[in-house]
């Protein structure tokens, strides 16, 4: 007999928070855009790119939108165990605190890595495609974007908020 007492109102911070409390979008959208722009600009400055302001302006919308897409991909994968009616301890670990269960931690880590890989590939293959940057600049910029904008909040125990 399966225990079906799984509550889905507390799944995956902050994506679910954005759906539950729509006003948070007013903070998340501009903050995310500002962070993405800052990472792009400062990384290009660090690399010595001359036309960094022009490249940042040309790529920021795609970087920002595809960054959200990468996070949503990882979030959907984190939600999958609940939809598949898997072990309750595992599902609760993924949704509430990935540090309480080894399998939940590994699942969240897999979701994190998939999101991070998506961030890198989206940036390298799509966002910086028509920027005029050299290939090694694109790779380094995509790597820095991945490191600084990966969804580390996947590991945040949402049980702290309930």
N, C-alpha and C. Protein backbone atom coordinates (compact mmCIF):
# COMPACT_ATOMS: atom_id res chain seq x y z
N UNK A 1 0.84 -1.18 0.00
CA UNK A 1 0.00 0.00 0.00
C UNK A 1 0.89 1.24 0.00
N UNK A 2 0.65 2.15 -0.92
CA UNK A 2 1.45 3.37 -1.05
C UNK A 2 0.86 4.49 -0.22
N UNK A 3 1.76 5.26 0.36
CA UNK A 3 1.34 6.45 1.09
C UNK A 3 1.26 7.59 0.08
N UNK A 4 0.09 8.12 -0.16
CA UNK A 4 -0.09 9.16 -1.18
C UNK A 4 -0.25 10.54 -0.56
N UNK A 5 0.23 10.71 0.66
CA UNK A 5 0.13 11.99 1.34
C UNK A 5 1.29 12.91 0.95
N UNK A 6 1.43 13.17 -0.33
CA UNK A 6 2.48 14.06 -0.82
C UNK A 6 1.85 15.39 -1.17
N UNK A 7 2.34 16.44 -0.58
CA UNK A 7 1.78 17.77 -0.85
C UNK A 7 2.64 18.45 -1.91
N UNK A 8 2.00 18.92 -2.95
CA UNK A 8 2.73 19.53 -4.05
C UNK A 8 2.81 21.04 -3.96
N UNK A 9 2.28 21.64 -2.90
CA UNK A 9 2.32 23.09 -2.81
C UNK A 9 3.70 23.61 -2.43
N UNK A 10 4.60 22.75 -2.06
CA UNK A 10 5.88 23.20 -1.55
C UNK A 10 7.04 22.68 -2.40
N UNK A 11 6.85 22.61 -3.69
CA UNK A 11 7.83 22.04 -4.58
C UNK A 11 8.73 23.13 -5.17
N UNK A 12 10.01 22.91 -5.11
CA UNK A 12 11.04 23.62 -5.85
C UNK A 12 10.99 25.14 -5.73
N UNK A 13 11.75 25.65 -4.84
CA UNK A 13 11.94 27.08 -4.70
C UNK A 13 12.99 27.51 -5.71
N UNK A 14 12.91 28.62 -6.40
CA UNK A 14 11.90 29.65 -6.36
C UNK A 14 10.88 29.56 -7.49
N UNK A 15 11.00 28.62 -8.40
CA UNK A 15 10.09 28.57 -9.54
C UNK A 15 8.64 28.46 -9.08
N UNK A 16 8.38 27.59 -8.12
CA UNK A 16 7.01 27.44 -7.64
C UNK A 16 6.56 28.67 -6.87
N UNK A 17 7.48 29.31 -6.20
CA UNK A 17 7.14 30.54 -5.50
C UNK A 17 6.65 31.59 -6.49
N UNK A 18 7.25 31.60 -7.66
CA UNK A 18 6.85 32.56 -8.69
C UNK A 18 5.41 32.31 -9.15
N UNK A 19 5.00 31.05 -9.15
CA UNK A 19 3.64 30.72 -9.55
C UNK A 19 2.65 30.96 -8.42
N UNK A 20 3.09 30.68 -7.20
CA UNK A 20 2.20 30.84 -6.05
C UNK A 20 2.01 32.31 -5.70
N UNK A 21 3.10 33.07 -5.74
CA UNK A 21 3.06 34.49 -5.41
C UNK A 21 3.56 35.27 -6.63
N UNK A 22 2.69 35.57 -7.57
CA UNK A 22 3.09 36.20 -8.83
C UNK A 22 3.81 37.55 -8.65
N UNK A 23 3.58 38.22 -7.56
CA UNK A 23 4.25 39.52 -7.35
C UNK A 23 5.78 39.38 -7.28
N UNK A 24 6.26 38.17 -6.95
CA UNK A 24 7.71 37.99 -6.88
C UNK A 24 8.37 38.16 -8.24
N UNK A 25 7.59 38.01 -9.32
CA UNK A 25 8.14 38.24 -10.66
C UNK A 25 8.67 39.67 -10.79
N UNK A 26 8.03 40.62 -10.10
CA UNK A 26 8.46 42.01 -10.17
C UNK A 26 9.86 42.21 -9.61
N UNK A 27 10.29 41.32 -8.76
CA UNK A 27 11.65 41.38 -8.21
C UNK A 27 12.59 40.47 -9.00
N UNK A 28 12.14 39.26 -9.30
CA UNK A 28 12.99 38.26 -9.93
C UNK A 28 13.41 38.66 -11.34
N UNK A 29 12.48 39.17 -12.14
CA UNK A 29 12.79 39.50 -13.54
C UNK A 29 13.88 40.56 -13.65
N UNK A 30 13.72 41.73 -13.03
CA UNK A 30 14.80 42.72 -13.17
C UNK A 30 16.10 42.31 -12.48
N UNK A 31 15.99 41.59 -11.36
CA UNK A 31 17.20 41.15 -10.67
C UNK A 31 17.97 40.16 -11.54
N UNK A 32 17.26 39.22 -12.14
CA UNK A 32 17.90 38.24 -13.00
C UNK A 32 18.52 38.90 -14.22
N UNK A 33 17.81 39.84 -14.81
CA UNK A 33 18.34 40.57 -15.96
C UNK A 33 19.60 41.34 -15.59
N UNK A 34 19.58 42.00 -14.45
CA UNK A 34 20.75 42.77 -13.99
C UNK A 34 21.94 41.86 -13.72
N UNK A 35 21.70 40.73 -13.08
CA UNK A 35 22.79 39.80 -12.80
C UNK A 35 23.37 39.25 -14.10
N UNK A 36 22.51 38.85 -15.02
CA UNK A 36 22.99 38.33 -16.31
C UNK A 36 23.82 39.38 -17.04
N UNK A 37 23.33 40.61 -17.09
CA UNK A 37 24.07 41.67 -17.77
C UNK A 37 25.42 41.91 -17.10
N UNK A 38 25.42 41.94 -15.78
CA UNK A 38 26.66 42.19 -15.05
C UNK A 38 27.68 41.08 -15.31
N UNK A 39 27.24 39.82 -15.31
CA UNK A 39 28.15 38.71 -15.56
C UNK A 39 28.71 38.79 -16.97
N UNK A 40 27.85 39.05 -17.94
CA UNK A 40 28.31 39.17 -19.33
C UNK A 40 29.33 40.30 -19.45
N UNK A 41 28.97 41.46 -18.96
CA UNK A 41 29.83 42.64 -19.11
C UNK A 41 31.16 42.47 -18.38
N UNK A 42 31.11 42.03 -17.13
CA UNK A 42 32.35 41.91 -16.36
C UNK A 42 33.25 40.79 -16.89
N UNK A 43 32.66 39.71 -17.38
CA UNK A 43 33.46 38.64 -17.97
C UNK A 43 34.16 39.13 -19.22
N UNK A 44 33.45 39.86 -20.07
CA UNK A 44 34.08 40.39 -21.28
C UNK A 44 35.15 41.42 -20.93
N UNK A 45 34.91 42.20 -19.89
CA UNK A 45 35.92 43.16 -19.44
C UNK A 45 37.17 42.42 -18.97
N UNK A 46 36.97 41.34 -18.21
CA UNK A 46 38.06 40.51 -17.73
C UNK A 46 38.84 39.91 -18.90
N UNK A 47 38.13 39.52 -19.97
CA UNK A 47 38.78 38.92 -21.14
C UNK A 47 39.37 39.96 -22.08
N UNK A 48 39.07 41.22 -21.86
CA UNK A 48 39.62 42.28 -22.71
C UNK A 48 38.87 42.49 -24.01
N UNK A 49 37.61 42.13 -24.04
CA UNK A 49 36.79 42.34 -25.24
C UNK A 49 36.53 43.83 -25.38
N UNK A 50 36.76 44.35 -26.57
CA UNK A 50 36.63 45.79 -26.82
C UNK A 50 35.17 46.27 -26.88
N UNK A 51 34.34 45.62 -27.63
CA UNK A 51 32.96 46.07 -27.86
C UNK A 51 31.98 45.39 -26.91
N UNK A 52 32.34 45.34 -25.64
CA UNK A 52 31.55 44.58 -24.67
C UNK A 52 30.15 45.13 -24.47
N UNK A 53 29.98 46.44 -24.51
CA UNK A 53 28.66 47.02 -24.30
C UNK A 53 27.72 46.63 -25.45
N UNK A 54 28.24 46.67 -26.66
CA UNK A 54 27.45 46.30 -27.85
C UNK A 54 27.09 44.81 -27.82
N UNK A 55 28.07 43.96 -27.48
CA UNK A 55 27.83 42.51 -27.42
C UNK A 55 26.82 42.20 -26.32
N UNK A 56 26.97 42.85 -25.17
CA UNK A 56 26.04 42.62 -24.05
C UNK A 56 24.63 43.02 -24.44
N UNK A 57 24.47 44.16 -25.09
CA UNK A 57 23.15 44.61 -25.51
C UNK A 57 22.54 43.65 -26.53
N UNK A 58 23.38 43.13 -27.42
CA UNK A 58 22.90 42.26 -28.48
C UNK A 58 22.49 40.87 -27.96
N UNK A 59 23.09 40.44 -26.86
CA UNK A 59 22.85 39.07 -26.39
C UNK A 59 22.04 38.95 -25.11
N UNK A 60 21.83 40.04 -24.38
CA UNK A 60 21.25 39.95 -23.04
C UNK A 60 19.84 39.36 -23.02
N UNK A 61 18.99 39.70 -23.95
CA UNK A 61 17.62 39.20 -23.92
C UNK A 61 17.60 37.68 -24.11
N UNK A 62 18.39 37.19 -25.06
CA UNK A 62 18.45 35.74 -25.28
C UNK A 62 19.07 35.04 -24.08
N UNK A 63 20.12 35.60 -23.50
CA UNK A 63 20.76 35.01 -22.33
C UNK A 63 19.76 34.92 -21.18
N UNK A 64 19.04 35.99 -20.97
CA UNK A 64 18.07 36.07 -19.87
C UNK A 64 16.93 35.08 -20.07
N UNK A 65 16.34 35.05 -21.26
CA UNK A 65 15.20 34.16 -21.53
C UNK A 65 15.61 32.69 -21.50
N UNK A 66 16.74 32.37 -22.11
CA UNK A 66 17.17 30.99 -22.14
C UNK A 66 17.71 30.54 -20.78
N UNK A 67 18.15 31.47 -19.95
CA UNK A 67 18.51 31.14 -18.58
C UNK A 67 17.30 30.67 -17.80
N UNK A 68 16.17 31.37 -17.97
CA UNK A 68 14.92 30.93 -17.35
C UNK A 68 14.51 29.57 -17.91
N UNK A 69 14.67 29.38 -19.22
CA UNK A 69 14.30 28.11 -19.84
C UNK A 69 15.13 26.96 -19.25
N UNK A 70 16.42 27.18 -19.05
CA UNK A 70 17.28 26.15 -18.46
C UNK A 70 16.84 25.82 -17.04
N UNK A 71 16.47 26.84 -16.27
CA UNK A 71 15.99 26.62 -14.91
C UNK A 71 14.67 25.86 -14.91
N UNK A 72 13.81 26.16 -15.86
CA UNK A 72 12.52 25.48 -15.94
C UNK A 72 12.71 24.01 -16.33
N UNK A 73 13.68 23.74 -17.20
CA UNK A 73 13.98 22.34 -17.56
C UNK A 73 14.38 21.56 -16.32
N UNK A 74 15.30 22.12 -15.54
CA UNK A 74 15.73 21.45 -14.31
C UNK A 74 14.60 21.32 -13.31
N UNK A 75 13.77 22.35 -13.20
CA UNK A 75 12.63 22.31 -12.27
C UNK A 75 11.62 21.24 -12.68
N UNK A 76 11.39 21.10 -13.96
CA UNK A 76 10.46 20.08 -14.44
C UNK A 76 10.98 18.69 -14.10
N UNK A 77 12.27 18.50 -14.24
CA UNK A 77 12.86 17.21 -13.88
C UNK A 77 12.77 16.95 -12.37
N UNK A 78 12.86 18.01 -11.58
CA UNK A 78 12.72 17.86 -10.13
C UNK A 78 11.28 17.50 -9.77
N UNK A 79 10.34 17.94 -10.54
CA UNK A 79 8.93 17.67 -10.30
C UNK A 79 8.53 16.26 -10.75
N UNK A 80 9.29 15.69 -11.67
CA UNK A 80 8.95 14.39 -12.26
C UNK A 80 8.73 13.28 -11.24
N UNK A 81 9.55 13.14 -10.20
CA UNK A 81 9.29 12.04 -9.24
C UNK A 81 7.91 12.11 -8.59
N UNK A 82 7.41 13.30 -8.36
CA UNK A 82 6.07 13.43 -7.77
C UNK A 82 5.00 12.97 -8.76
N UNK A 83 5.20 13.27 -10.02
CA UNK A 83 4.23 12.85 -11.04
C UNK A 83 4.27 11.35 -11.28
N UNK A 84 5.44 10.76 -11.10
CA UNK A 84 5.60 9.33 -11.34
C UNK A 84 5.25 8.48 -10.13
N UNK A 85 4.77 9.12 -9.07
CA UNK A 85 4.34 8.43 -7.86
C UNK A 85 5.45 7.53 -7.31
N UNK A 86 6.63 8.11 -7.15
CA UNK A 86 7.78 7.38 -6.65
C UNK A 86 7.74 7.32 -5.12
N UNK A 87 8.74 6.74 -4.55
CA UNK A 87 8.87 6.60 -3.10
C UNK A 87 8.65 7.94 -2.40
N UNK A 88 7.81 7.94 -1.38
CA UNK A 88 7.44 9.18 -0.69
C UNK A 88 8.65 9.85 -0.04
N UNK A 89 9.54 9.07 0.56
CA UNK A 89 10.73 9.66 1.20
C UNK A 89 11.61 10.34 0.15
N UNK A 90 11.75 9.71 -1.00
CA UNK A 90 12.54 10.29 -2.08
C UNK A 90 11.89 11.58 -2.59
N UNK A 91 10.60 11.54 -2.84
CA UNK A 91 9.88 12.71 -3.35
C UNK A 91 9.95 13.86 -2.34
N UNK A 92 9.71 13.54 -1.07
CA UNK A 92 9.80 14.58 -0.04
C UNK A 92 11.21 15.14 0.08
N UNK A 93 12.21 14.30 -0.09
CA UNK A 93 13.59 14.76 -0.07
C UNK A 93 13.88 15.73 -1.21
N UNK A 94 13.41 15.39 -2.40
CA UNK A 94 13.62 16.27 -3.55
C UNK A 94 12.90 17.59 -3.35
N UNK A 95 11.68 17.52 -2.85
CA UNK A 95 10.85 18.73 -2.74
C UNK A 95 11.13 19.56 -1.50
N UNK A 96 11.51 18.92 -0.41
CA UNK A 96 11.62 19.65 0.85
C UNK A 96 13.05 19.92 1.29
N UNK A 97 13.93 18.90 1.16
CA UNK A 97 15.31 19.07 1.62
C UNK A 97 16.15 17.96 1.02
N UNK A 98 16.90 18.26 -0.03
CA UNK A 98 17.69 17.22 -0.69
C UNK A 98 18.81 16.64 0.17
N UNK A 99 19.10 17.27 1.31
CA UNK A 99 20.17 16.80 2.17
C UNK A 99 19.72 15.74 3.16
N UNK A 100 18.44 15.37 3.14
CA UNK A 100 17.93 14.36 4.07
C UNK A 100 17.97 12.96 3.47
N UNK A 101 18.27 12.85 2.20
CA UNK A 101 18.17 11.57 1.52
C UNK A 101 19.21 11.54 0.41
N UNK A 102 20.08 10.54 0.39
CA UNK A 102 21.13 10.46 -0.62
C UNK A 102 20.56 10.45 -2.03
N UNK A 103 19.50 9.69 -2.25
CA UNK A 103 18.93 9.59 -3.59
C UNK A 103 18.30 10.91 -4.02
N UNK A 104 17.68 11.61 -3.09
CA UNK A 104 17.12 12.93 -3.39
C UNK A 104 18.24 13.90 -3.73
N UNK A 105 19.33 13.86 -2.97
CA UNK A 105 20.47 14.73 -3.25
C UNK A 105 21.04 14.45 -4.64
N UNK A 106 21.18 13.18 -4.97
CA UNK A 106 21.71 12.83 -6.30
C UNK A 106 20.76 13.27 -7.41
N UNK A 107 19.45 13.14 -7.17
CA UNK A 107 18.46 13.58 -8.17
C UNK A 107 18.55 15.08 -8.38
N UNK A 108 18.58 15.83 -7.28
CA UNK A 108 18.67 17.30 -7.37
C UNK A 108 19.97 17.70 -8.06
N UNK A 109 21.04 16.99 -7.74
CA UNK A 109 22.33 17.27 -8.38
C UNK A 109 22.25 17.02 -9.88
N UNK A 110 21.59 15.93 -10.28
CA UNK A 110 21.42 15.66 -11.71
C UNK A 110 20.62 16.78 -12.37
N UNK A 111 19.55 17.23 -11.72
CA UNK A 111 18.73 18.32 -12.26
C UNK A 111 19.54 19.60 -12.36
N UNK A 112 20.35 19.87 -11.35
CA UNK A 112 21.23 21.04 -11.35
C UNK A 112 22.22 20.97 -12.51
N UNK A 113 22.84 19.81 -12.68
CA UNK A 113 23.84 19.65 -13.76
C UNK A 113 23.18 19.80 -15.13
N UNK A 114 22.00 19.22 -15.30
CA UNK A 114 21.30 19.35 -16.59
C UNK A 114 20.98 20.82 -16.87
N UNK A 115 20.51 21.54 -15.86
CA UNK A 115 20.24 22.98 -16.04
C UNK A 115 21.51 23.73 -16.37
N UNK A 116 22.60 23.41 -15.68
CA UNK A 116 23.88 24.09 -15.93
C UNK A 116 24.39 23.82 -17.34
N UNK A 117 24.27 22.57 -17.79
CA UNK A 117 24.68 22.23 -19.15
C UNK A 117 23.81 22.98 -20.16
N UNK A 118 22.53 23.07 -19.89
CA UNK A 118 21.63 23.82 -20.78
C UNK A 118 22.04 25.30 -20.83
N UNK A 119 22.36 25.87 -19.68
CA UNK A 119 22.81 27.27 -19.66
C UNK A 119 24.03 27.44 -20.55
N UNK A 120 25.01 26.55 -20.39
CA UNK A 120 26.23 26.63 -21.20
C UNK A 120 25.92 26.50 -22.69
N UNK A 121 25.18 25.46 -23.06
CA UNK A 121 24.90 25.22 -24.48
C UNK A 121 24.03 26.32 -25.09
N UNK A 122 23.01 26.76 -24.36
CA UNK A 122 22.16 27.84 -24.87
C UNK A 122 22.99 29.10 -25.12
N UNK A 123 23.85 29.43 -24.16
CA UNK A 123 24.67 30.63 -24.32
C UNK A 123 25.67 30.48 -25.45
N UNK A 124 26.41 29.38 -25.44
CA UNK A 124 27.46 29.19 -26.45
C UNK A 124 26.89 29.03 -27.86
N UNK A 125 25.86 28.20 -28.01
CA UNK A 125 25.34 27.88 -29.34
C UNK A 125 24.33 28.89 -29.88
N UNK A 126 23.59 29.57 -28.99
CA UNK A 126 22.51 30.43 -29.46
C UNK A 126 22.75 31.91 -29.14
N UNK A 127 22.97 32.22 -27.88
CA UNK A 127 23.00 33.61 -27.43
C UNK A 127 24.17 34.42 -28.01
N UNK A 128 25.31 33.80 -28.15
CA UNK A 128 26.49 34.54 -28.62
C UNK A 128 26.81 34.24 -30.09
N UNK A 129 25.85 33.64 -30.78
CA UNK A 129 26.06 33.21 -32.17
C UNK A 129 26.38 34.39 -33.10
N UNK A 130 25.63 35.47 -33.02
CA UNK A 130 25.80 36.60 -33.94
C UNK A 130 26.42 37.82 -33.25
N UNK A 131 27.34 37.58 -32.35
CA UNK A 131 27.93 38.69 -31.60
C UNK A 131 29.27 39.14 -32.17
N UNK A 132 29.85 38.34 -33.04
CA UNK A 132 31.15 38.68 -33.59
C UNK A 132 32.30 38.30 -32.67
N UNK A 133 32.00 37.62 -31.57
CA UNK A 133 33.06 37.18 -30.66
C UNK A 133 33.79 35.99 -31.25
N UNK A 134 35.07 35.87 -30.89
CA UNK A 134 35.84 34.70 -31.28
C UNK A 134 35.29 33.49 -30.53
N UNK A 135 35.52 32.30 -31.08
CA UNK A 135 34.97 31.09 -30.50
C UNK A 135 35.42 30.89 -29.05
N UNK A 136 36.69 31.15 -28.76
CA UNK A 136 37.16 30.94 -27.39
C UNK A 136 36.54 31.95 -26.43
N UNK A 137 36.20 33.15 -26.93
CA UNK A 137 35.49 34.13 -26.09
C UNK A 137 34.08 33.62 -25.77
N UNK A 138 33.43 33.05 -26.78
CA UNK A 138 32.08 32.52 -26.59
C UNK A 138 32.09 31.40 -25.55
N UNK A 139 33.06 30.50 -25.66
CA UNK A 139 33.15 29.38 -24.73
C UNK A 139 33.41 29.86 -23.31
N UNK A 140 34.33 30.79 -23.17
CA UNK A 140 34.67 31.29 -21.84
C UNK A 140 33.49 32.08 -21.24
N UNK A 141 32.85 32.88 -22.06
CA UNK A 141 31.70 33.65 -21.60
C UNK A 141 30.55 32.72 -21.19
N UNK A 142 30.31 31.68 -21.98
CA UNK A 142 29.26 30.70 -21.64
C UNK A 142 29.62 29.97 -20.35
N UNK A 143 30.89 29.65 -20.15
CA UNK A 143 31.31 28.98 -18.93
C UNK A 143 31.11 29.88 -17.71
N UNK A 144 31.49 31.14 -17.81
CA UNK A 144 31.31 32.06 -16.69
C UNK A 144 29.82 32.27 -16.39
N UNK A 145 29.01 32.37 -17.44
CA UNK A 145 27.56 32.49 -17.22
C UNK A 145 27.03 31.26 -16.49
N UNK A 146 27.51 30.10 -16.86
CA UNK A 146 27.07 28.86 -16.22
C UNK A 146 27.47 28.85 -14.75
N UNK A 147 28.71 29.21 -14.46
CA UNK A 147 29.20 29.18 -13.08
C UNK A 147 28.44 30.17 -12.21
N UNK A 148 28.21 31.37 -12.71
CA UNK A 148 27.62 32.42 -11.88
C UNK A 148 26.09 32.45 -11.87
N UNK A 149 25.45 31.76 -12.83
CA UNK A 149 23.99 31.82 -12.88
C UNK A 149 23.32 30.45 -12.79
N UNK A 150 24.08 29.42 -12.47
CA UNK A 150 23.49 28.08 -12.31
C UNK A 150 22.45 28.11 -11.18
N UNK A 151 21.48 27.23 -11.24
CA UNK A 151 20.37 27.26 -10.25
C UNK A 151 20.76 26.63 -8.91
N UNK A 152 21.64 27.29 -8.18
CA UNK A 152 22.08 26.81 -6.87
C UNK A 152 20.92 26.71 -5.88
N UNK A 153 19.85 27.47 -6.12
CA UNK A 153 18.70 27.44 -5.21
C UNK A 153 17.97 26.11 -5.25
N UNK A 154 18.28 25.24 -6.21
CA UNK A 154 17.69 23.90 -6.21
C UNK A 154 18.02 23.18 -4.90
N UNK A 155 19.18 23.50 -4.33
CA UNK A 155 19.61 22.84 -3.10
C UNK A 155 19.03 23.47 -1.83
N UNK A 156 18.38 24.61 -1.96
CA UNK A 156 17.80 25.29 -0.81
C UNK A 156 16.66 24.46 -0.23
N UNK A 157 16.74 24.08 1.04
CA UNK A 157 15.66 23.29 1.63
C UNK A 157 14.38 24.13 1.75
N UNK A 158 13.38 23.76 1.00
CA UNK A 158 12.13 24.53 1.03
C UNK A 158 11.36 24.32 2.33
N UNK A 159 11.74 23.30 3.09
CA UNK A 159 11.08 23.08 4.37
C UNK A 159 11.32 24.26 5.32
N UNK A 160 12.33 25.05 5.07
CA UNK A 160 12.60 26.24 5.89
C UNK A 160 11.48 27.27 5.76
N UNK A 161 10.71 27.20 4.67
CA UNK A 161 9.71 28.21 4.38
C UNK A 161 8.28 27.77 4.72
N UNK A 162 8.12 26.53 5.21
CA UNK A 162 6.78 26.02 5.49
C UNK A 162 6.66 25.59 6.92
